[in-house]
Amino acid sequence: MDERVKFRLYRLSVWCGAVVMIAFAVAFSGVGNLYPPPSPTADAQAIAGFLAENRTGILSAVVIMGIFAPFFYPFAVVTSLQMCRIEGGWGLLSMVQLTTAVVAPTGWIYPLAVLATAVYRPGRDPQLMLLLSDQYWLTYVGVAVIFVVNVWVIGLAALVDRRPEPVFPRWFGYLNFALGVVLLPGVFVYLFTEGPLAWDGLFTTYLPSAAFLVWKILMIYVLLRAVNSEEREALAKAS
C-alpha cells in the first residue's frame, strides 16, 4: 500500500471515533430520550408509560447505533496500531486494548435492542416492560466497567513509552487512569436502587458520561497527533 494512502486511512479511522460520539449523543439523548434515566424505584405503570411515550425514538435509536456503532472498530484498531509503536509490535497492552474495545459497540447496541424488545409490540404487559427496562439499565450502566481496563492500558502505554518523541503525551497517561476511576462506580448499580450509586446516580451515569466525552475528544486529538508523528518518521526513513 502507498504510504500516503495508509496514513489517510489511519486519519479516517481516527475520525470514525468522532462519528460514533455524535451518533451516540443523537441516539441516546436526542432521539431515544434516555437521559435523564427513569428512577430505579419507578413502578411498572410509570416505566410502561415512559417507554410507550418514547417508543418511536427508542426503535430509531437502535437503528442509528446499529449503523454507526461499528465505526468504533477502525478507531479501536488505529489505537492499537499506535500502541504497537510503543511495544515494538503487537504486545500485551495493544492486544488488551483491542480485545476490550471490541466489547464497546456490543455494550451500546445490545442493551438498546433489549429496550426495543420492550416497546416493539404496543400494549405489552407493563410487568414485562419493567423487567426489560431493568435489564437495559443494569446492562448498559453496569457492564460498562469493562471499558475501564481499556482506558487504563492506554494510560499505561503512555507512561511506559521511552521513545524520544512519545506516541502519546505523558499527561494523557495519567489522565486515563483518573478517568478510569470515574468510570468504575457503574458496577455498583446492582447493589443500589437509590442514591448516587443507583443507575440514575451522579457517580454511575452523569460523571461517567462526562468522563467518556472528555476521553473521546482527547483520544481523537492524541491519535491524530500520533498518526502525524508516525507519518513523519516514515517519510524520514524513506528519504
C-alpha atoms as a PDB file:
ATOM      1  CA  MET A   1       0.000   0.000   0.000  1.00  0.00           C
ATOM      2  CA  ASP A   2       1.151   3.510  -0.746  1.00  0.00           C
ATOM      3  CA  GLU A   3       2.262   5.212   2.468  1.00  0.00           C
ATOM      4  CA  ARG A   4       0.110   8.271   1.783  1.00  0.00           C
ATOM      5  CA  VAL A   5      -2.958   6.085   1.368  1.00  0.00           C
ATOM      6  CA  LYS A   6      -2.155   4.227   4.595  1.00  0.00           C
ATOM      7  CA  PHE A   7      -1.962   7.375   6.664  1.00  0.00           C
ATOM      8  CA  ARG A   8      -5.137   8.761   5.097  1.00  0.00           C
ATOM      9  CA  LEU A   9      -6.872   5.574   6.220  1.00  0.00           C
ATOM     10  CA  TYR A  10      -5.379   5.980   9.687  1.00  0.00           C
ATOM     11  CA  ARG A  11      -6.728   9.529   9.973  1.00  0.00           C
ATOM     12  CA  LEU A  12     -10.101   8.449   8.635  1.00  0.00           C
ATOM     13  CA  SER A  13     -10.169   5.728  11.297  1.00  0.00           C
ATOM     14  CA  VAL A  14      -9.465   8.307  14.000  1.00  0.00           C
ATOM     15  CA  TRP A  15     -12.331  10.491  12.775  1.00  0.00           C
ATOM     16  CA  CYS A  16     -14.575   7.428  12.913  1.00  0.00           C
ATOM     17  CA  GLY A  17     -14.392   7.932  16.660  1.00  0.00           C
ATOM     18  CA  ALA A  18     -15.996  11.364  16.256  1.00  0.00           C
ATOM     19  CA  VAL A  19     -18.743   9.845  14.083  1.00  0.00           C
ATOM     20  CA  VAL A  20     -19.548   7.324  16.814  1.00  0.00           C
ATOM     21  CA  MET A  21     -19.539  10.014  19.505  1.00  0.00           C
ATOM     22  CA  ILE A  22     -22.038  12.155  17.580  1.00  0.00           C
ATOM     23  CA  ALA A  23     -24.246   9.148  16.750  1.00  0.00           C
ATOM     24  CA  PHE A  24     -24.152   8.095  20.405  1.00  0.00           C
ATOM     25  CA  ALA A  25     -25.347  11.525  21.577  1.00  0.00           C
ATOM     26  CA  VAL A  26     -28.077  11.684  18.946  1.00  0.00           C
ATOM     27  CA  ALA A  27     -29.339   8.132  19.575  1.00  0.00           C
ATOM     28  CA  PHE A  28     -29.350   8.077  23.354  1.00  0.00           C
ATOM     29  CA  SER A  29     -30.018  11.677  24.356  1.00  0.00           C
ATOM     30  CA  GLY A  30     -31.776  13.133  21.332  1.00  0.00           C
ATOM     31  CA  VAL A  31     -33.841  10.512  19.545  1.00  0.00           C
ATOM     32  CA  GLY A  32     -34.157   7.913  22.306  1.00  0.00           C
ATOM     33  CA  ASN A  33     -34.748  10.438  25.105  1.00  0.00           C
ATOM     34  CA  LEU A  34     -32.975   8.132  27.571  1.00  0.00           C
ATOM     35  CA  TYR A  35     -31.325  10.921  29.548  1.00  0.00           C
ATOM     36  CA  PRO A  36     -32.063  11.553  32.314  1.00  0.00           C
ATOM     37  CA  PRO A  37     -32.801   7.900  33.162  1.00  0.00           C
ATOM     38  CA  PRO A  38     -36.051   6.912  34.868  1.00  0.00           C
ATOM     39  CA  SER A  39     -35.746   6.137  38.567  1.00  0.00           C
ATOM     40  CA  PRO A  40     -34.962   2.519  39.558  1.00  0.00           C
ATOM     41  CA  THR A  41     -37.819   2.810  42.074  1.00  0.00           C
ATOM     42  CA  ALA A  42     -40.422   3.666  39.420  1.00  0.00           C
ATOM     43  CA  ASP A  43     -43.269   1.143  39.218  1.00  0.00           C
ATOM     44  CA  ALA A  44     -44.348  -0.887  36.207  1.00  0.00           C
ATOM     45  CA  GLN A  45     -47.029   1.572  35.101  1.00  0.00           C
ATOM     46  CA  ALA A  46     -44.622   4.513  35.185  1.00  0.00           C
ATOM     47  CA  ILE A  47     -41.969   2.649  33.200  1.00  0.00           C
ATOM     48  CA  ALA A  48     -44.530   1.352  30.697  1.00  0.00           C
ATOM     49  CA  GLY A  49     -45.784   4.902  30.205  1.00  0.00           C
ATOM     50  CA  PHE A  50     -42.245   6.244  29.718  1.00  0.00           C
ATOM     51  CA  LEU A  51     -41.394   3.545  27.184  1.00  0.00           C
ATOM     52  CA  ALA A  52     -44.674   3.880  25.285  1.00  0.00           C
ATOM     53  CA  GLU A  53     -44.189   7.632  25.034  1.00  0.00           C
ATOM     54  CA  ASN A  54     -40.687   7.162  23.599  1.00  0.00           C
ATOM     55  CA  ARG A  55     -41.387   4.047  21.526  1.00  0.00           C
ATOM     56  CA  THR A  56     -40.525   5.508  18.117  1.00  0.00           C
ATOM     57  CA  GLY A  57     -37.418   7.210  19.457  1.00  0.00           C
ATOM     58  CA  ILE A  58     -36.117   4.041  21.127  1.00  0.00           C
ATOM     59  CA  LEU A  59     -36.644   1.937  17.996  1.00  0.00           C
ATOM     60  CA  SER A  60     -34.944   4.617  15.907  1.00  0.00           C
ATOM     61  CA  ALA A  61     -32.044   4.815  18.365  1.00  0.00           C
ATOM     62  CA  VAL A  62     -31.311   1.111  17.841  1.00  0.00           C
ATOM     63  CA  VAL A  63     -31.205   1.648  14.090  1.00  0.00           C
ATOM     64  CA  ILE A  64     -28.854   4.639  14.448  1.00  0.00           C
ATOM     65  CA  MET A  65     -26.459   2.736  16.690  1.00  0.00           C
ATOM     66  CA  GLY A  66     -26.687  -0.348  14.500  1.00  0.00           C
ATOM     67  CA  ILE A  67     -25.454   1.742  11.583  1.00  0.00           C
ATOM     68  CA  PHE A  68     -22.830   3.859  13.328  1.00  0.00           C
ATOM     69  CA  ALA A  69     -21.521   1.837  16.302  1.00  0.00           C
ATOM     70  CA  PRO A  70     -19.350  -0.392  14.037  1.00  0.00           C
ATOM     71  CA  PHE A  71     -17.358   2.733  13.138  1.00  0.00           C
ATOM     72  CA  PHE A  72     -15.784   2.287  16.566  1.00  0.00           C
ATOM     73  CA  TYR A  73     -13.787  -0.685  15.268  1.00  0.00           C
ATOM     74  CA  PRO A  74     -11.467   1.289  12.942  1.00  0.00           C
ATOM     75  CA  PHE A  75     -10.971   3.744  15.811  1.00  0.00           C
ATOM     76  CA  ALA A  76     -10.050   0.879  18.153  1.00  0.00           C
ATOM     77  CA  VAL A  77      -7.669  -0.696  15.628  1.00  0.00           C
ATOM     78  CA  VAL A  78      -5.780   2.519  14.912  1.00  0.00           C
ATOM     79  CA  THR A  79      -5.422   2.999  18.674  1.00  0.00           C
ATOM     80  CA  SER A  80      -3.819  -0.433  18.994  1.00  0.00           C
ATOM     81  CA  LEU A  81      -1.587   0.200  15.992  1.00  0.00           C
ATOM     82  CA  GLN A  82      -0.231   3.316  17.694  1.00  0.00           C
ATOM     83  CA  MET A  83       0.332   1.310  20.875  1.00  0.00           C
ATOM     84  CA  CYS A  84       2.262  -1.219  18.769  1.00  0.00           C
ATOM     85  CA  ARG A  85       4.780   1.539  18.085  1.00  0.00           C
ATOM     86  CA  ILE A  86       5.405   1.745  21.832  1.00  0.00           C
ATOM     87  CA  GLU A  87       5.705  -2.027  22.270  1.00  0.00           C
ATOM     88  CA  GLY A  88       7.701  -2.614  19.087  1.00  0.00           C
ATOM     89  CA  GLY A  89       4.955  -4.743  17.574  1.00  0.00           C
ATOM     90  CA  TRP A  90       1.824  -6.460  18.833  1.00  0.00           C
ATOM     91  CA  GLY A  91       2.168  -6.953  22.576  1.00  0.00           C
ATOM     92  CA  LEU A  92       0.191  -7.326  25.772  1.00  0.00           C
ATOM     93  CA  LEU A  93      -1.034  -3.727  26.036  1.00  0.00           C
ATOM     94  CA  SER A  94      -2.048  -3.335  22.399  1.00  0.00           C
ATOM     95  CA  MET A  95      -3.853  -6.695  22.398  1.00  0.00           C
ATOM     96  CA  VAL A  96      -5.701  -5.993  25.658  1.00  0.00           C
ATOM     97  CA  GLN A  97      -6.760  -2.618  24.275  1.00  0.00           C
ATOM     98  CA  LEU A  98      -8.079  -4.189  21.106  1.00  0.00           C
ATOM     99  CA  THR A  99      -9.957  -7.038  22.782  1.00  0.00           C
ATOM    100  CA  THR A 100     -11.617  -4.788  25.376  1.00  0.00           C
ATOM    101  CA  ALA A 101     -12.503  -2.212  22.717  1.00  0.00           C
ATOM    102  CA  VAL A 102     -14.361  -4.905  20.775  1.00  0.00           C
ATOM    103  CA  VAL A 103     -16.892  -5.002  23.630  1.00  0.00           C
ATOM    104  CA  ALA A 104     -17.860  -1.329  23.320  1.00  0.00           C
ATOM    105  CA  PRO A 105     -20.235  -1.442  20.301  1.00  0.00           C
ATOM    106  CA  THR A 106     -21.987  -4.517  21.698  1.00  0.00           C
ATOM    107  CA  GLY A 107     -22.310  -2.747  25.041  1.00  0.00           C
ATOM    108  CA  TRP A 108     -24.285   0.002  23.318  1.00  0.00           C
ATOM    109  CA  ILE A 109     -26.367  -1.943  20.791  1.00  0.00           C
ATOM    110  CA  TYR A 110     -27.354  -4.994  22.845  1.00  0.00           C
ATOM    111  CA  PRO A 111     -28.956  -3.104  25.768  1.00  0.00           C
ATOM    112  CA  LEU A 112     -30.803  -0.877  23.281  1.00  0.00           C
ATOM    113  CA  ALA A 113     -32.065  -3.983  21.485  1.00  0.00           C
ATOM    114  CA  VAL A 114     -33.407  -5.252  24.814  1.00  0.00           C
ATOM    115  CA  LEU A 115     -35.262  -1.965  25.364  1.00  0.00           C
ATOM    116  CA  ALA A 116     -36.536  -2.126  21.788  1.00  0.00           C
ATOM    117  CA  THR A 117     -37.966  -5.562  22.593  1.00  0.00           C
ATOM    118  CA  ALA A 118     -39.950  -3.980  25.425  1.00  0.00           C
ATOM    119  CA  VAL A 119     -41.609  -1.423  23.111  1.00  0.00           C
ATOM    120  CA  TYR A 120     -41.688  -3.383  19.854  1.00  0.00           C
ATOM    121  CA  ARG A 121     -45.246  -4.642  20.360  1.00  0.00           C
ATOM    122  CA  PRO A 122     -47.615  -1.927  21.659  1.00  0.00           C
ATOM    123  CA  GLY A 123     -49.689  -2.964  24.641  1.00  0.00           C
ATOM    124  CA  ARG A 124     -47.108  -5.342  26.098  1.00  0.00           C
ATOM    125  CA  ASP A 125     -47.631  -6.296  29.772  1.00  0.00           C
ATOM    126  CA  PRO A 126     -46.213  -3.462  31.962  1.00  0.00           C
ATOM    127  CA  GLN A 127     -44.500  -6.015  34.218  1.00  0.00           C
ATOM    128  CA  LEU A 128     -42.594  -7.401  31.221  1.00  0.00           C
ATOM    129  CA  MET A 129     -41.699  -3.875  30.159  1.00  0.00           C
ATOM    130  CA  LEU A 130     -40.400  -3.192  33.667  1.00  0.00           C
ATOM    131  CA  LEU A 131     -38.305  -6.372  33.544  1.00  0.00           C
ATOM    132  CA  LEU A 132     -36.772  -5.468  30.178  1.00  0.00           C
ATOM    133  CA  SER A 133     -36.192  -1.885  31.294  1.00  0.00           C
ATOM    134  CA  ASP A 134     -34.313  -3.162  34.355  1.00  0.00           C
ATOM    135  CA  GLN A 135     -32.208  -5.400  32.129  1.00  0.00           C
ATOM    136  CA  TYR A 136     -31.419  -2.454  29.865  1.00  0.00           C
ATOM    137  CA  TRP A 137     -30.208  -0.117  32.604  1.00  0.00           C
ATOM    138  CA  LEU A 138     -28.360  -2.766  34.605  1.00  0.00           C
ATOM    139  CA  THR A 139     -26.570  -3.971  31.474  1.00  0.00           C
ATOM    140  CA  TYR A 140     -25.903  -0.591  29.884  1.00  0.00           C
ATOM    141  CA  VAL A 141     -24.553   1.027  33.058  1.00  0.00           C
ATOM    142  CA  GLY A 142     -23.169  -1.953  34.948  1.00  0.00           C
ATOM    143  CA  VAL A 143     -21.262  -3.780  32.202  1.00  0.00           C
ATOM    144  CA  ALA A 144     -19.510  -0.589  31.041  1.00  0.00           C
ATOM    145  CA  VAL A 145     -16.947  -1.199  33.806  1.00  0.00           C
ATOM    146  CA  ILE A 146     -15.162  -3.488  31.324  1.00  0.00           C
ATOM    147  CA  PHE A 147     -14.136  -0.366  29.430  1.00  0.00           C
ATOM    148  CA  VAL A 148     -12.085   0.764  32.454  1.00  0.00           C
ATOM    149  CA  VAL A 149      -9.445  -1.815  31.505  1.00  0.00           C
ATOM    150  CA  ASN A 150      -9.311  -0.352  28.002  1.00  0.00           C
ATOM    151  CA  VAL A 151      -8.723   3.162  29.312  1.00  0.00           C
ATOM    152  CA  TRP A 152      -6.099   2.040  31.822  1.00  0.00           C
ATOM    153  CA  VAL A 153      -3.991   0.038  29.360  1.00  0.00           C
ATOM    154  CA  ILE A 154      -3.852   3.070  27.065  1.00  0.00           C
ATOM    155  CA  GLY A 155      -2.730   5.116  30.051  1.00  0.00           C
ATOM    156  CA  LEU A 156      -0.111   2.531  30.961  1.00  0.00           C
ATOM    157  CA  ALA A 157       1.213   2.503  27.390  1.00  0.00           C
ATOM    158  CA  ALA A 158       1.656   6.270  27.538  1.00  0.00           C
ATOM    159  CA  LEU A 159       3.596   6.035  30.818  1.00  0.00           C
ATOM    160  CA  VAL A 160       5.969   3.230  29.764  1.00  0.00           C
ATOM    161  CA  ASP A 161       6.822   4.827  26.410  1.00  0.00           C
ATOM    162  CA  ARG A 162      10.548   5.666  26.311  1.00  0.00           C
ATOM    163  CA  ARG A 163      10.708   6.920  22.733  1.00  0.00           C
ATOM    164  CA  PRO A 164      12.403  10.332  22.222  1.00  0.00           C
ATOM    165  CA  GLU A 165       9.068  11.549  20.838  1.00  0.00           C
ATOM    166  CA  PRO A 166       6.390   9.626  22.769  1.00  0.00           C
ATOM    167  CA  VAL A 167       3.412   8.296  20.846  1.00  0.00           C
ATOM    168  CA  PHE A 168       1.016   9.643  23.492  1.00  0.00           C
ATOM    169  CA  PRO A 169       1.883  12.568  25.778  1.00  0.00           C
ATOM    170  CA  ARG A 170       2.678  11.564  29.349  1.00  0.00           C
ATOM    171  CA  TRP A 171      -0.094  13.724  30.807  1.00  0.00           C
ATOM    172  CA  PHE A 172      -2.582  11.677  28.792  1.00  0.00           C
ATOM    173  CA  GLY A 173      -1.414   8.543  30.560  1.00  0.00           C
ATOM    174  CA  TYR A 174      -2.178   9.985  33.991  1.00  0.00           C
ATOM    175  CA  LEU A 175      -5.496  11.353  32.732  1.00  0.00           C
ATOM    176  CA  ASN A 176      -6.556   7.895  31.527  1.00  0.00           C
ATOM    177  CA  PHE A 177      -6.018   6.451  34.977  1.00  0.00           C
ATOM    178  CA  ALA A 178      -8.067   9.269  36.525  1.00  0.00           C
ATOM    179  CA  LEU A 179     -10.891   8.873  34.026  1.00  0.00           C
ATOM    180  CA  GLY A 180     -10.879   5.112  34.573  1.00  0.00           C
ATOM    181  CA  VAL A 181     -11.546   5.706  38.262  1.00  0.00           C
ATOM    182  CA  VAL A 182     -14.510   7.916  37.343  1.00  0.00           C
ATOM    183  CA  LEU A 183     -15.926   5.166  35.096  1.00  0.00           C
ATOM    184  CA  LEU A 184     -15.533   2.461  37.740  1.00  0.00           C
ATOM    185  CA  PRO A 185     -18.584   3.084  40.019  1.00  0.00           C
ATOM    186  CA  GLY A 186     -21.033   1.905  37.342  1.00  0.00           C
ATOM    187  CA  VAL A 187     -20.604  -1.682  38.504  1.00  0.00           C
ATOM    188  CA  PHE A 188     -22.294  -0.843  41.818  1.00  0.00           C
ATOM    189  CA  VAL A 189     -25.713  -0.257  40.219  1.00  0.00           C
ATOM    190  CA  TYR A 190     -26.552  -3.872  41.041  1.00  0.00           C
ATOM    191  CA  LEU A 191     -26.478  -3.062  44.750  1.00  0.00           C
ATOM    192  CA  PHE A 192     -28.481   0.175  44.898  1.00  0.00           C
ATOM    193  CA  THR A 193     -31.902   1.433  43.812  1.00  0.00           C
ATOM    194  CA  GLU A 194     -31.475   4.936  45.252  1.00  0.00           C
ATOM    195  CA  GLY A 195     -28.700   7.458  45.714  1.00  0.00           C
ATOM    196  CA  PRO A 196     -25.527   8.341  43.772  1.00  0.00           C
ATOM    197  CA  LEU A 197     -24.721   4.676  43.003  1.00  0.00           C
ATOM    198  CA  ALA A 198     -28.115   3.778  41.529  1.00  0.00           C
ATOM    199  CA  TRP A 199     -28.335   3.703  37.745  1.00  0.00           C
ATOM    200  CA  ASP A 200     -29.627   7.295  37.685  1.00  0.00           C
ATOM    201  CA  GLY A 201     -26.978   8.460  40.160  1.00  0.00           C
ATOM    202  CA  LEU A 202     -24.213  11.047  39.951  1.00  0.00           C
ATOM    203  CA  PHE A 203     -21.349   8.523  40.202  1.00  0.00           C
ATOM    204  CA  THR A 204     -22.799   5.908  37.842  1.00  0.00           C
ATOM    205  CA  THR A 205     -24.354   7.901  34.997  1.00  0.00           C
ATOM    206  CA  TYR A 206     -23.605  11.628  34.974  1.00  0.00           C
ATOM    207  CA  LEU A 207     -19.920  11.755  35.920  1.00  0.00           C
ATOM    208  CA  PRO A 208     -19.013   8.675  33.819  1.00  0.00           C
ATOM    209  CA  SER A 209     -20.861  10.158  30.814  1.00  0.00           C
ATOM    210  CA  ALA A 210     -18.875  13.388  31.169  1.00  0.00           C
ATOM    211  CA  ALA A 211     -15.638  11.414  31.628  1.00  0.00           C
ATOM    212  CA  PHE A 212     -16.298   9.366  28.491  1.00  0.00           C
ATOM    213  CA  LEU A 213     -16.955  12.533  26.474  1.00  0.00           C
ATOM    214  CA  VAL A 214     -13.702  14.108  27.691  1.00  0.00           C
ATOM    215  CA  TRP A 215     -11.782  10.893  26.991  1.00  0.00           C
ATOM    216  CA  LYS A 216     -13.221  10.569  23.483  1.00  0.00           C
ATOM    217  CA  ILE A 217     -12.364  14.133  22.467  1.00  0.00           C
ATOM    218  CA  LEU A 218      -8.830  13.929  23.861  1.00  0.00           C
ATOM    219  CA  MET A 219      -8.318  10.471  22.379  1.00  0.00           C
ATOM    220  CA  ILE A 220      -9.119  11.820  18.916  1.00  0.00           C
ATOM    221  CA  TYR A 221      -6.630  14.649  19.481  1.00  0.00           C
ATOM    222  CA  VAL A 222      -3.749  12.451  20.673  1.00  0.00           C
ATOM    223  CA  LEU A 223      -4.374   9.830  17.983  1.00  0.00           C
ATOM    224  CA  LEU A 224      -4.221  12.412  15.197  1.00  0.00           C
ATOM    225  CA  ARG A 225      -1.014  13.714  16.770  1.00  0.00           C
ATOM    226  CA  ALA A 226       0.381  10.164  16.917  1.00  0.00           C
ATOM    227  CA  VAL A 227      -0.523   9.382  13.299  1.00  0.00           C
ATOM    228  CA  ASN A 228       1.157  12.606  12.176  1.00  0.00           C
ATOM    229  CA  SER A 229       4.330  11.705  14.061  1.00  0.00           C
ATOM    230  CA  GLU A 230       4.347   8.192  12.576  1.00  0.00           C
ATOM    231  CA  GLU A 231       3.967   9.658   9.095  1.00  0.00           C
ATOM    232  CA  ARG A 232       6.911  11.994   9.695  1.00  0.00           C
ATOM    233  CA  GLU A 233       9.022   9.060  10.857  1.00  0.00           C
ATOM    234  CA  ALA A 234       8.041   7.031   7.775  1.00  0.00           C
ATOM    235  CA  LEU A 235       8.882   9.893   5.417  1.00  0.00           C
ATOM    236  CA  ALA A 236      12.225  10.494   7.144  1.00  0.00           C
ATOM    237  CA  LYS A 237      13.069   6.804   6.910  1.00  0.00           C
ATOM    238  CA  ALA A 238      12.103   6.688   3.226  1.00  0.00           C
ATOM    239  CA  SER A 239      14.279   9.689   2.404  1.00  0.00           C
END
